[in-house]
Amino acid sequence: MSRAIFPGSFDPPTIGHINIIERSAALFDELHVVVADNISKKYLFSPEERIDLIRRSLPEAENIVYSVHSGLTVEYAKKHDISIMIRGVRGAGDFSYEFEMAMTNKLLYPELEVLFMPTDPRYFLIRASQIKELAAFGADFSSMVTPPVLEALKEKFPEIRH
């Protein structure tokens, strides 16, 4: 059985995240979508809310496993006998950061292979942090998220007009 992990904070999940999940799930027998719960970060949505938003943004898929993890991603991968990690990259800046992380993870878990999946060009400019900022100012970001995420953000930011 081929298994991969796609970790992230997904705060909030974007259509770029959803696209990477769909494409990755089509490549592997089992895809673990692992939502980070880092106590040193302040999140807009709880880990459970983020998983729910991802689930509601995707068609039913029996090969996706959703988890929350607060430790090192490589520890999750080791525990679940996963040797492939998917990382979405938008451009050179993402790649540079992700490459350094991949090398660190490789030192911690030599069996881990990191696959860099380029974003769909339609989602090149979408960042979760950008969506939160746009939401805070009441701007229209509806093309960057799925309907369930839009509704959840409207609850967090009453100033959203659309």
N, C-alpha and C. Protein backbone atom coordinates (compact mmCIF):
# COMPACT_ATOMS: atom_id res chain seq x y z
N MET A 1 0.85 -1.18 0.00
CA MET A 1 0.00 0.00 0.00
C MET A 1 0.89 1.24 0.00
N SER A 2 0.61 2.15 -0.92
CA SER A 2 1.37 3.40 -0.96
C SER A 2 0.66 4.44 -0.10
N ARG A 3 1.45 5.05 0.79
CA ARG A 3 0.89 6.05 1.70
C ARG A 3 1.77 7.29 1.70
N ALA A 4 1.11 8.43 1.82
CA ALA A 4 1.82 9.70 1.88
C ALA A 4 1.18 10.57 2.95
N ILE A 5 1.94 11.58 3.34
CA ILE A 5 1.47 12.55 4.33
C ILE A 5 1.51 13.93 3.69
N PHE A 6 0.47 14.70 3.91
CA PHE A 6 0.45 16.11 3.50
C PHE A 6 0.15 16.93 4.75
N PRO A 7 1.21 17.45 5.39
CA PRO A 7 1.02 18.22 6.62
C PRO A 7 0.87 19.72 6.33
N GLY A 8 0.22 20.41 7.25
CA GLY A 8 0.11 21.85 7.13
C GLY A 8 -0.70 22.44 8.25
N SER A 9 -0.69 23.75 8.34
CA SER A 9 -1.52 24.39 9.36
C SER A 9 -2.94 24.60 8.84
N PHE A 10 -3.10 24.82 7.54
CA PHE A 10 -4.42 24.94 6.91
C PHE A 10 -5.31 25.92 7.66
N ASP A 11 -4.78 27.10 7.97
CA ASP A 11 -5.51 28.08 8.77
C ASP A 11 -5.68 29.39 8.02
N PRO A 12 -6.68 29.49 7.17
CA PRO A 12 -7.72 28.52 6.81
C PRO A 12 -7.26 27.69 5.61
N PRO A 13 -7.98 26.59 5.35
CA PRO A 13 -7.69 25.83 4.13
C PRO A 13 -8.05 26.68 2.91
N THR A 14 -7.17 26.70 1.93
CA THR A 14 -7.40 27.46 0.70
C THR A 14 -7.76 26.50 -0.43
N ILE A 15 -8.19 27.06 -1.56
CA ILE A 15 -8.44 26.18 -2.70
C ILE A 15 -7.13 25.58 -3.21
N GLY A 16 -6.00 26.24 -2.95
CA GLY A 16 -4.70 25.66 -3.29
C GLY A 16 -4.43 24.40 -2.48
N HIS A 17 -4.71 24.45 -1.16
CA HIS A 17 -4.56 23.26 -0.32
C HIS A 17 -5.46 22.13 -0.83
N ILE A 18 -6.70 22.47 -1.12
CA ILE A 18 -7.68 21.46 -1.56
C ILE A 18 -7.21 20.82 -2.86
N ASN A 19 -6.67 21.63 -3.77
CA ASN A 19 -6.17 21.11 -5.03
C ASN A 19 -5.02 20.13 -4.81
N ILE A 20 -4.09 20.45 -3.93
CA ILE A 20 -2.95 19.57 -3.65
C ILE A 20 -3.46 18.27 -3.01
N ILE A 21 -4.42 18.37 -2.11
CA ILE A 21 -4.98 17.17 -1.46
C ILE A 21 -5.64 16.27 -2.51
N GLU A 22 -6.47 16.85 -3.37
CA GLU A 22 -7.14 16.04 -4.40
C GLU A 22 -6.14 15.36 -5.31
N ARG A 23 -5.14 16.09 -5.76
CA ARG A 23 -4.14 15.53 -6.67
C ARG A 23 -3.32 14.46 -5.98
N SER A 24 -2.96 14.68 -4.72
CA SER A 24 -2.16 13.70 -3.97
C SER A 24 -2.97 12.45 -3.68
N ALA A 25 -4.23 12.61 -3.31
CA ALA A 25 -5.09 11.46 -3.01
C ALA A 25 -5.25 10.57 -4.23
N ALA A 26 -5.17 11.15 -5.42
CA ALA A 26 -5.29 10.37 -6.65
C ALA A 26 -4.02 9.55 -6.93
N LEU A 27 -2.91 9.92 -6.30
CA LEU A 27 -1.64 9.24 -6.54
C LEU A 27 -1.31 8.12 -5.56
N PHE A 28 -1.95 8.14 -4.40
CA PHE A 28 -1.59 7.20 -3.34
C PHE A 28 -2.83 6.43 -2.87
N ASP A 29 -2.56 5.24 -2.35
CA ASP A 29 -3.66 4.44 -1.80
C ASP A 29 -4.24 5.10 -0.55
N GLU A 30 -3.37 5.78 0.20
CA GLU A 30 -3.81 6.44 1.44
C GLU A 30 -3.04 7.74 1.60
N LEU A 31 -3.77 8.81 1.84
CA LEU A 31 -3.16 10.12 2.08
C LEU A 31 -3.55 10.59 3.47
N HIS A 32 -2.55 10.88 4.28
CA HIS A 32 -2.79 11.42 5.62
C HIS A 32 -2.68 12.94 5.54
N VAL A 33 -3.78 13.62 5.76
CA VAL A 33 -3.79 15.08 5.85
C VAL A 33 -3.64 15.39 7.33
N VAL A 34 -2.50 15.97 7.68
CA VAL A 34 -2.16 16.18 9.09
C VAL A 34 -2.16 17.67 9.39
N VAL A 35 -3.07 18.05 10.26
CA VAL A 35 -3.23 19.45 10.66
C VAL A 35 -2.33 19.74 11.86
N ALA A 36 -1.50 20.74 11.70
CA ALA A 36 -0.56 21.11 12.77
C ALA A 36 -1.29 21.79 13.92
N ASP A 37 -0.86 21.45 15.11
CA ASP A 37 -1.35 22.12 16.32
C ASP A 37 -0.13 22.53 17.12
N ASN A 38 0.47 23.63 16.69
CA ASN A 38 1.70 24.13 17.29
C ASN A 38 1.33 25.14 18.38
N ILE A 39 1.65 24.82 19.63
CA ILE A 39 1.24 25.68 20.75
C ILE A 39 1.88 27.06 20.70
N SER A 40 2.95 27.23 19.94
CA SER A 40 3.59 28.55 19.86
C SER A 40 2.95 29.44 18.79
N LYS A 41 2.01 28.90 18.02
CA LYS A 41 1.32 29.70 17.00
C LYS A 41 -0.10 30.00 17.44
N LYS A 42 -0.59 31.14 16.98
CA LYS A 42 -1.98 31.52 17.25
C LYS A 42 -2.77 31.26 15.97
N TYR A 43 -3.75 30.38 16.09
CA TYR A 43 -4.56 30.01 14.94
C TYR A 43 -5.92 30.68 15.00
N LEU A 44 -6.49 30.94 13.84
CA LEU A 44 -7.84 31.48 13.75
C LEU A 44 -8.87 30.39 14.03
N PHE A 45 -8.61 29.18 13.51
CA PHE A 45 -9.50 28.05 13.69
C PHE A 45 -8.83 26.97 14.52
N SER A 46 -9.62 26.26 15.31
CA SER A 46 -9.09 25.13 16.08
C SER A 46 -8.68 24.02 15.10
N PRO A 47 -7.86 23.09 15.55
CA PRO A 47 -7.49 21.97 14.65
C PRO A 47 -8.71 21.20 14.16
N GLU A 48 -9.67 20.98 15.04
CA GLU A 48 -10.88 20.25 14.65
C GLU A 48 -11.69 21.03 13.61
N GLU A 49 -11.75 22.35 13.77
CA GLU A 49 -12.46 23.17 12.78
C GLU A 49 -11.75 23.10 11.43
N ARG A 50 -10.42 23.12 11.43
CA ARG A 50 -9.67 23.07 10.18
C ARG A 50 -9.90 21.73 9.47
N ILE A 51 -9.90 20.63 10.22
CA ILE A 51 -10.18 19.33 9.62
C ILE A 51 -11.59 19.30 9.04
N ASP A 52 -12.54 19.81 9.79
CA ASP A 52 -13.93 19.84 9.32
C ASP A 52 -14.04 20.66 8.04
N LEU A 53 -13.36 21.80 7.97
CA LEU A 53 -13.41 22.64 6.78
C LEU A 53 -12.79 21.94 5.58
N ILE A 54 -11.69 21.23 5.79
CA ILE A 54 -11.07 20.48 4.69
C ILE A 54 -12.02 19.39 4.21
N ARG A 55 -12.55 18.63 5.15
CA ARG A 55 -13.49 17.54 4.80
C ARG A 55 -14.68 18.06 4.00
N ARG A 56 -15.26 19.15 4.47
CA ARG A 56 -16.45 19.69 3.79
C ARG A 56 -16.11 20.34 2.45
N SER A 57 -14.84 20.61 2.21
CA SER A 57 -14.40 21.23 0.96
C SER A 57 -14.04 20.22 -0.12
N LEU A 58 -13.98 18.96 0.27
CA LEU A 58 -13.58 17.89 -0.66
C LEU A 58 -14.75 16.95 -0.91
N PRO A 59 -14.76 16.34 -2.09
CA PRO A 59 -15.72 15.26 -2.28
C PRO A 59 -15.32 14.09 -1.37
N GLU A 60 -16.28 13.23 -1.06
CA GLU A 60 -15.99 12.06 -0.22
C GLU A 60 -14.82 11.28 -0.82
N ALA A 61 -13.86 10.96 0.01
CA ALA A 61 -12.70 10.18 -0.43
C ALA A 61 -12.36 9.19 0.66
N GLU A 62 -12.44 7.93 0.34
CA GLU A 62 -12.19 6.89 1.33
C GLU A 62 -10.71 6.72 1.65
N ASN A 63 -9.84 7.26 0.83
CA ASN A 63 -8.41 7.04 1.06
C ASN A 63 -7.73 8.21 1.78
N ILE A 64 -8.50 9.14 2.32
CA ILE A 64 -7.91 10.26 3.07
C ILE A 64 -8.14 10.04 4.56
N VAL A 65 -7.05 10.13 5.31
CA VAL A 65 -7.07 10.03 6.77
C VAL A 65 -6.76 11.41 7.31
N TYR A 66 -7.60 11.91 8.21
CA TYR A 66 -7.40 13.24 8.79
C TYR A 66 -6.90 13.09 10.22
N SER A 67 -5.86 13.87 10.56
CA SER A 67 -5.30 13.80 11.92
C SER A 67 -4.83 15.18 12.35
N VAL A 68 -4.76 15.34 13.67
CA VAL A 68 -4.15 16.53 14.27
C VAL A 68 -2.86 16.04 14.92
N HIS A 69 -1.79 16.82 14.75
CA HIS A 69 -0.51 16.42 15.34
C HIS A 69 0.18 17.67 15.88
N SER A 70 0.72 17.54 17.09
CA SER A 70 1.38 18.69 17.70
C SER A 70 2.90 18.54 17.78
N GLY A 71 3.44 17.45 17.29
CA GLY A 71 4.88 17.26 17.34
C GLY A 71 5.51 17.43 15.97
N LEU A 72 6.70 16.86 15.83
CA LEU A 72 7.38 16.90 14.55
C LEU A 72 6.64 16.03 13.54
N THR A 73 6.50 16.51 12.34
CA THR A 73 5.81 15.77 11.31
C THR A 73 6.49 14.43 11.03
N VAL A 74 7.83 14.41 11.10
CA VAL A 74 8.53 13.15 10.84
C VAL A 74 8.18 12.10 11.88
N GLU A 75 7.88 12.52 13.10
CA GLU A 75 7.48 11.56 14.14
C GLU A 75 6.13 10.93 13.79
N TYR A 76 5.22 11.75 13.28
CA TYR A 76 3.93 11.21 12.82
C TYR A 76 4.17 10.21 11.68
N ALA A 77 5.00 10.60 10.73
CA ALA A 77 5.27 9.73 9.59
C ALA A 77 5.88 8.40 10.03
N LYS A 78 6.85 8.47 10.94
CA LYS A 78 7.47 7.23 11.45
C LYS A 78 6.43 6.35 12.14
N LYS A 79 5.63 6.95 13.01
CA LYS A 79 4.64 6.21 13.79
C LYS A 79 3.65 5.48 12.88
N HIS A 80 3.32 6.08 11.74
CA HIS A 80 2.33 5.51 10.83
C HIS A 80 2.98 4.83 9.63
N ASP A 81 4.29 4.64 9.70
CA ASP A 81 5.03 3.94 8.64
C ASP A 81 4.80 4.57 7.27
N ILE A 82 4.93 5.90 7.23
CA ILE A 82 4.76 6.67 5.99
C ILE A 82 6.14 7.18 5.59
N SER A 83 6.52 6.95 4.35
CA SER A 83 7.85 7.37 3.91
C SER A 83 7.80 8.41 2.79
N ILE A 84 6.62 8.96 2.51
CA ILE A 84 6.50 9.99 1.48
C ILE A 84 5.75 11.18 2.05
N MET A 85 6.34 12.35 1.91
CA MET A 85 5.71 13.59 2.35
C MET A 85 5.49 14.47 1.12
N ILE A 86 4.29 14.99 1.00
CA ILE A 86 3.94 15.91 -0.08
C ILE A 86 4.07 17.34 0.44
N ARG A 87 4.71 18.18 -0.34
CA ARG A 87 4.79 19.61 -0.01
C ARG A 87 4.41 20.39 -1.26
N GLY A 88 3.43 21.26 -1.11
CA GLY A 88 3.04 22.12 -2.21
C GLY A 88 3.97 23.32 -2.28
N VAL A 89 4.34 23.69 -3.49
CA VAL A 89 5.22 24.86 -3.68
C VAL A 89 4.62 25.77 -4.74
N ARG A 90 4.67 27.06 -4.44
CA ARG A 90 4.15 28.06 -5.38
C ARG A 90 5.24 28.65 -6.25
N GLY A 91 6.43 28.79 -5.71
CA GLY A 91 7.50 29.42 -6.46
C GLY A 91 8.84 29.21 -5.78
N ALA A 92 9.83 29.98 -6.22
CA ALA A 92 11.20 29.80 -5.73
C ALA A 92 11.32 30.03 -4.23
N GLY A 93 10.58 30.99 -3.69
CA GLY A 93 10.64 31.26 -2.25
C GLY A 93 10.14 30.07 -1.45
N ASP A 94 9.00 29.52 -1.86
CA ASP A 94 8.46 28.32 -1.20
C ASP A 94 9.45 27.17 -1.34
N PHE A 95 9.98 27.00 -2.55
CA PHE A 95 10.87 25.86 -2.78
C PHE A 95 12.11 25.95 -1.90
N SER A 96 12.68 27.12 -1.78
CA SER A 96 13.89 27.29 -0.95
C SER A 96 13.61 26.88 0.49
N TYR A 97 12.52 27.37 1.05
CA TYR A 97 12.15 27.04 2.43
C TYR A 97 11.86 25.55 2.55
N GLU A 98 11.05 25.02 1.64
CA GLU A 98 10.65 23.62 1.70
C GLU A 98 11.84 22.68 1.48
N PHE A 99 12.79 23.09 0.65
CA PHE A 99 13.97 22.26 0.42
C PHE A 99 14.80 22.15 1.70
N GLU A 100 14.98 23.27 2.40
CA GLU A 100 15.72 23.24 3.67
C GLU A 100 15.00 22.36 4.69
N MET A 101 13.68 22.48 4.76
CA MET A 101 12.90 21.63 5.68
C MET A 101 13.03 20.15 5.29
N ALA A 102 13.03 19.87 4.00
CA ALA A 102 13.15 18.49 3.53
C ALA A 102 14.50 17.91 3.95
N MET A 103 15.55 18.70 3.86
CA MET A 103 16.87 18.22 4.26
C MET A 103 16.93 17.96 5.77
N THR A 104 16.30 18.83 6.55
CA THR A 104 16.25 18.61 8.00
C THR A 104 15.47 17.34 8.30
N ASN A 105 14.31 17.19 7.66
CA ASN A 105 13.49 15.99 7.88
C ASN A 105 14.23 14.73 7.45
N LYS A 106 15.01 14.81 6.39
CA LYS A 106 15.78 13.66 5.91
C LYS A 106 16.83 13.26 6.94
N LEU A 107 17.41 14.24 7.64
CA LEU A 107 18.37 13.92 8.70
C LEU A 107 17.68 13.19 9.85
N LEU A 108 16.45 13.62 10.16
CA LEU A 108 15.70 13.02 11.26
C LEU A 108 15.08 11.67 10.90
N TYR A 109 14.76 11.49 9.63
CA TYR A 109 14.08 10.28 9.17
C TYR A 109 14.59 9.97 7.76
N PRO A 110 15.74 9.29 7.68
CA PRO A 110 16.39 9.06 6.37
C PRO A 110 15.50 8.36 5.34
N GLU A 111 14.52 7.57 5.78
CA GLU A 111 13.65 6.85 4.85
C GLU A 111 12.61 7.76 4.21
N LEU A 112 12.46 8.97 4.72
CA LEU A 112 11.43 9.88 4.22
C LEU A 112 11.86 10.51 2.89
N GLU A 113 10.96 10.41 1.92
CA GLU A 113 11.16 11.09 0.64
C GLU A 113 10.14 12.22 0.56
N VAL A 114 10.60 13.40 0.18
CA VAL A 114 9.72 14.56 0.07
C VAL A 114 9.47 14.83 -1.40
N LEU A 115 8.20 14.87 -1.77
CA LEU A 115 7.81 15.17 -3.14
C LEU A 115 7.25 16.59 -3.18
N PHE A 116 7.84 17.42 -4.01
CA PHE A 116 7.38 18.79 -4.16
C PHE A 116 6.36 18.82 -5.30
N MET A 117 5.16 19.27 -4.97
CA MET A 117 4.09 19.34 -5.97
C MET A 117 3.83 20.82 -6.29
N PRO A 118 4.11 21.22 -7.52
CA PRO A 118 3.84 22.62 -7.86
C PRO A 118 2.35 22.90 -7.83
N THR A 119 2.03 24.09 -7.39
CA THR A 119 0.64 24.50 -7.35
C THR A 119 0.07 24.62 -8.75
N ASP A 120 -1.21 24.46 -8.85
CA ASP A 120 -1.90 24.75 -10.09
C ASP A 120 -1.71 26.25 -10.35
N PRO A 121 -1.38 26.65 -11.56
CA PRO A 121 -1.13 28.08 -11.82
C PRO A 121 -2.27 29.01 -11.38
N ARG A 122 -3.50 28.50 -11.36
CA ARG A 122 -4.64 29.34 -10.94
C ARG A 122 -4.54 29.75 -9.48
N TYR A 123 -3.77 28.99 -8.68
CA TYR A 123 -3.72 29.23 -7.24
C TYR A 123 -2.36 29.76 -6.78
N PHE A 124 -1.57 30.22 -7.73
CA PHE A 124 -0.20 30.63 -7.46
C PHE A 124 -0.09 31.72 -6.39
N LEU A 125 -1.01 32.65 -6.36
CA LEU A 125 -0.90 33.79 -5.46
C LEU A 125 -1.66 33.63 -4.14
N ILE A 126 -2.26 32.49 -3.93
CA ILE A 126 -3.12 32.32 -2.75
C ILE A 126 -2.32 31.84 -1.55
N ARG A 127 -2.43 32.57 -0.45
CA ARG A 127 -1.80 32.21 0.82
C ARG A 127 -2.84 32.34 1.92
N ALA A 128 -2.79 31.41 2.88
CA ALA A 128 -3.75 31.45 3.99
C ALA A 128 -3.62 32.76 4.77
N SER A 129 -2.39 33.22 4.98
CA SER A 129 -2.19 34.47 5.74
C SER A 129 -2.81 35.65 4.99
N GLN A 130 -2.72 35.63 3.68
CA GLN A 130 -3.31 36.69 2.86
C GLN A 130 -4.84 36.68 2.99
N ILE A 131 -5.43 35.49 3.00
CA ILE A 131 -6.88 35.38 3.12
C ILE A 131 -7.35 35.95 4.45
N LYS A 132 -6.64 35.65 5.54
CA LYS A 132 -7.02 36.19 6.85
C LYS A 132 -6.94 37.72 6.85
N GLU A 133 -5.92 38.26 6.21
CA GLU A 133 -5.79 39.72 6.15
C GLU A 133 -6.91 40.33 5.33
N LEU A 134 -7.21 39.73 4.18
CA LEU A 134 -8.31 40.23 3.35
C LEU A 134 -9.64 40.15 4.10
N ALA A 135 -9.84 39.06 4.82
CA ALA A 135 -11.08 38.90 5.60
C ALA A 135 -11.20 39.98 6.67
N ALA A 136 -10.09 40.28 7.33
CA ALA A 136 -10.10 41.29 8.39
C ALA A 136 -10.49 42.67 7.85
N PHE A 137 -10.19 42.92 6.57
CA PHE A 137 -10.52 44.21 5.96
C PHE A 137 -11.82 44.17 5.16
N GLY A 138 -12.50 43.03 5.18
CA GLY A 138 -13.78 42.92 4.49
C GLY A 138 -13.66 42.84 2.98
N ALA A 139 -12.48 42.50 2.46
CA ALA A 139 -12.28 42.41 1.01
C ALA A 139 -12.87 41.12 0.45
N ASP A 140 -13.02 41.09 -0.85
CA ASP A 140 -13.58 39.91 -1.52
C ASP A 140 -12.47 38.91 -1.81
N PHE A 141 -12.47 37.80 -1.13
CA PHE A 141 -11.50 36.72 -1.33
C PHE A 141 -12.23 35.42 -1.65
N SER A 142 -13.49 35.52 -2.02
CA SER A 142 -14.33 34.34 -2.22
C SER A 142 -13.80 33.38 -3.28
N SER A 143 -13.00 33.87 -4.22
CA SER A 143 -12.45 32.99 -5.25
C SER A 143 -11.26 32.18 -4.74
N MET A 144 -10.82 32.44 -3.51
CA MET A 144 -9.62 31.79 -2.97
C MET A 144 -9.92 30.67 -1.99
N VAL A 145 -11.19 30.51 -1.64
CA VAL A 145 -11.58 29.49 -0.66
C VAL A 145 -12.84 28.77 -1.15
N THR A 146 -13.13 27.65 -0.54
CA THR A 146 -14.35 26.91 -0.87
C THR A 146 -15.53 27.54 -0.11
N PRO A 147 -16.76 27.27 -0.53
CA PRO A 147 -17.92 27.82 0.18
C PRO A 147 -17.94 27.53 1.69
N PRO A 148 -17.60 26.31 2.15
CA PRO A 148 -17.60 26.10 3.61
C PRO A 148 -16.59 26.99 4.34
N VAL A 149 -15.44 27.22 3.73
CA VAL A 149 -14.43 28.07 4.36
C VAL A 149 -14.90 29.52 4.36
N LEU A 150 -15.50 29.95 3.27
CA LEU A 150 -16.04 31.32 3.20
C LEU A 150 -17.05 31.55 4.31
N GLU A 151 -17.97 30.61 4.49
CA GLU A 151 -18.98 30.76 5.54
C GLU A 151 -18.35 30.80 6.94
N ALA A 152 -17.34 29.96 7.16
CA ALA A 152 -16.66 29.95 8.46
C ALA A 152 -15.93 31.26 8.71
N LEU A 153 -15.35 31.81 7.67
CA LEU A 153 -14.65 33.10 7.82
C LEU A 153 -15.63 34.24 8.05
N LYS A 154 -16.81 34.17 7.45
CA LYS A 154 -17.83 35.19 7.69
C LYS A 154 -18.25 35.20 9.16
N GLU A 155 -18.24 34.03 9.79
CA GLU A 155 -18.57 33.97 11.22
C GLU A 155 -17.47 34.61 12.07
N LYS A 156 -16.22 34.46 11.63
CA LYS A 156 -15.09 35.02 12.39
C LYS A 156 -14.93 36.52 12.13
N PHE A 157 -15.31 36.93 10.91
CA PHE A 157 -15.15 38.33 10.51
C PHE A 157 -16.47 38.88 10.01
N PRO A 158 -17.29 39.42 10.90
CA PRO A 158 -18.62 39.92 10.49
C PRO A 158 -18.56 41.05 9.44
N GLU A 159 -17.41 41.67 9.31
CA GLU A 159 -17.29 42.78 8.34
C GLU A 159 -17.22 42.33 6.90
N ILE A 160 -17.13 41.02 6.66
CA ILE A 160 -17.09 40.52 5.27
C ILE A 160 -18.44 40.80 4.64
N ARG A 161 -18.41 41.46 3.49
CA ARG A 161 -19.63 41.95 2.84
C ARG A 161 -20.20 41.01 1.78
N HIS A 162 -19.53 39.98 1.37
CA HIS A 162 -20.02 39.15 0.25
C HIS A 162 -20.45 37.80 0.74
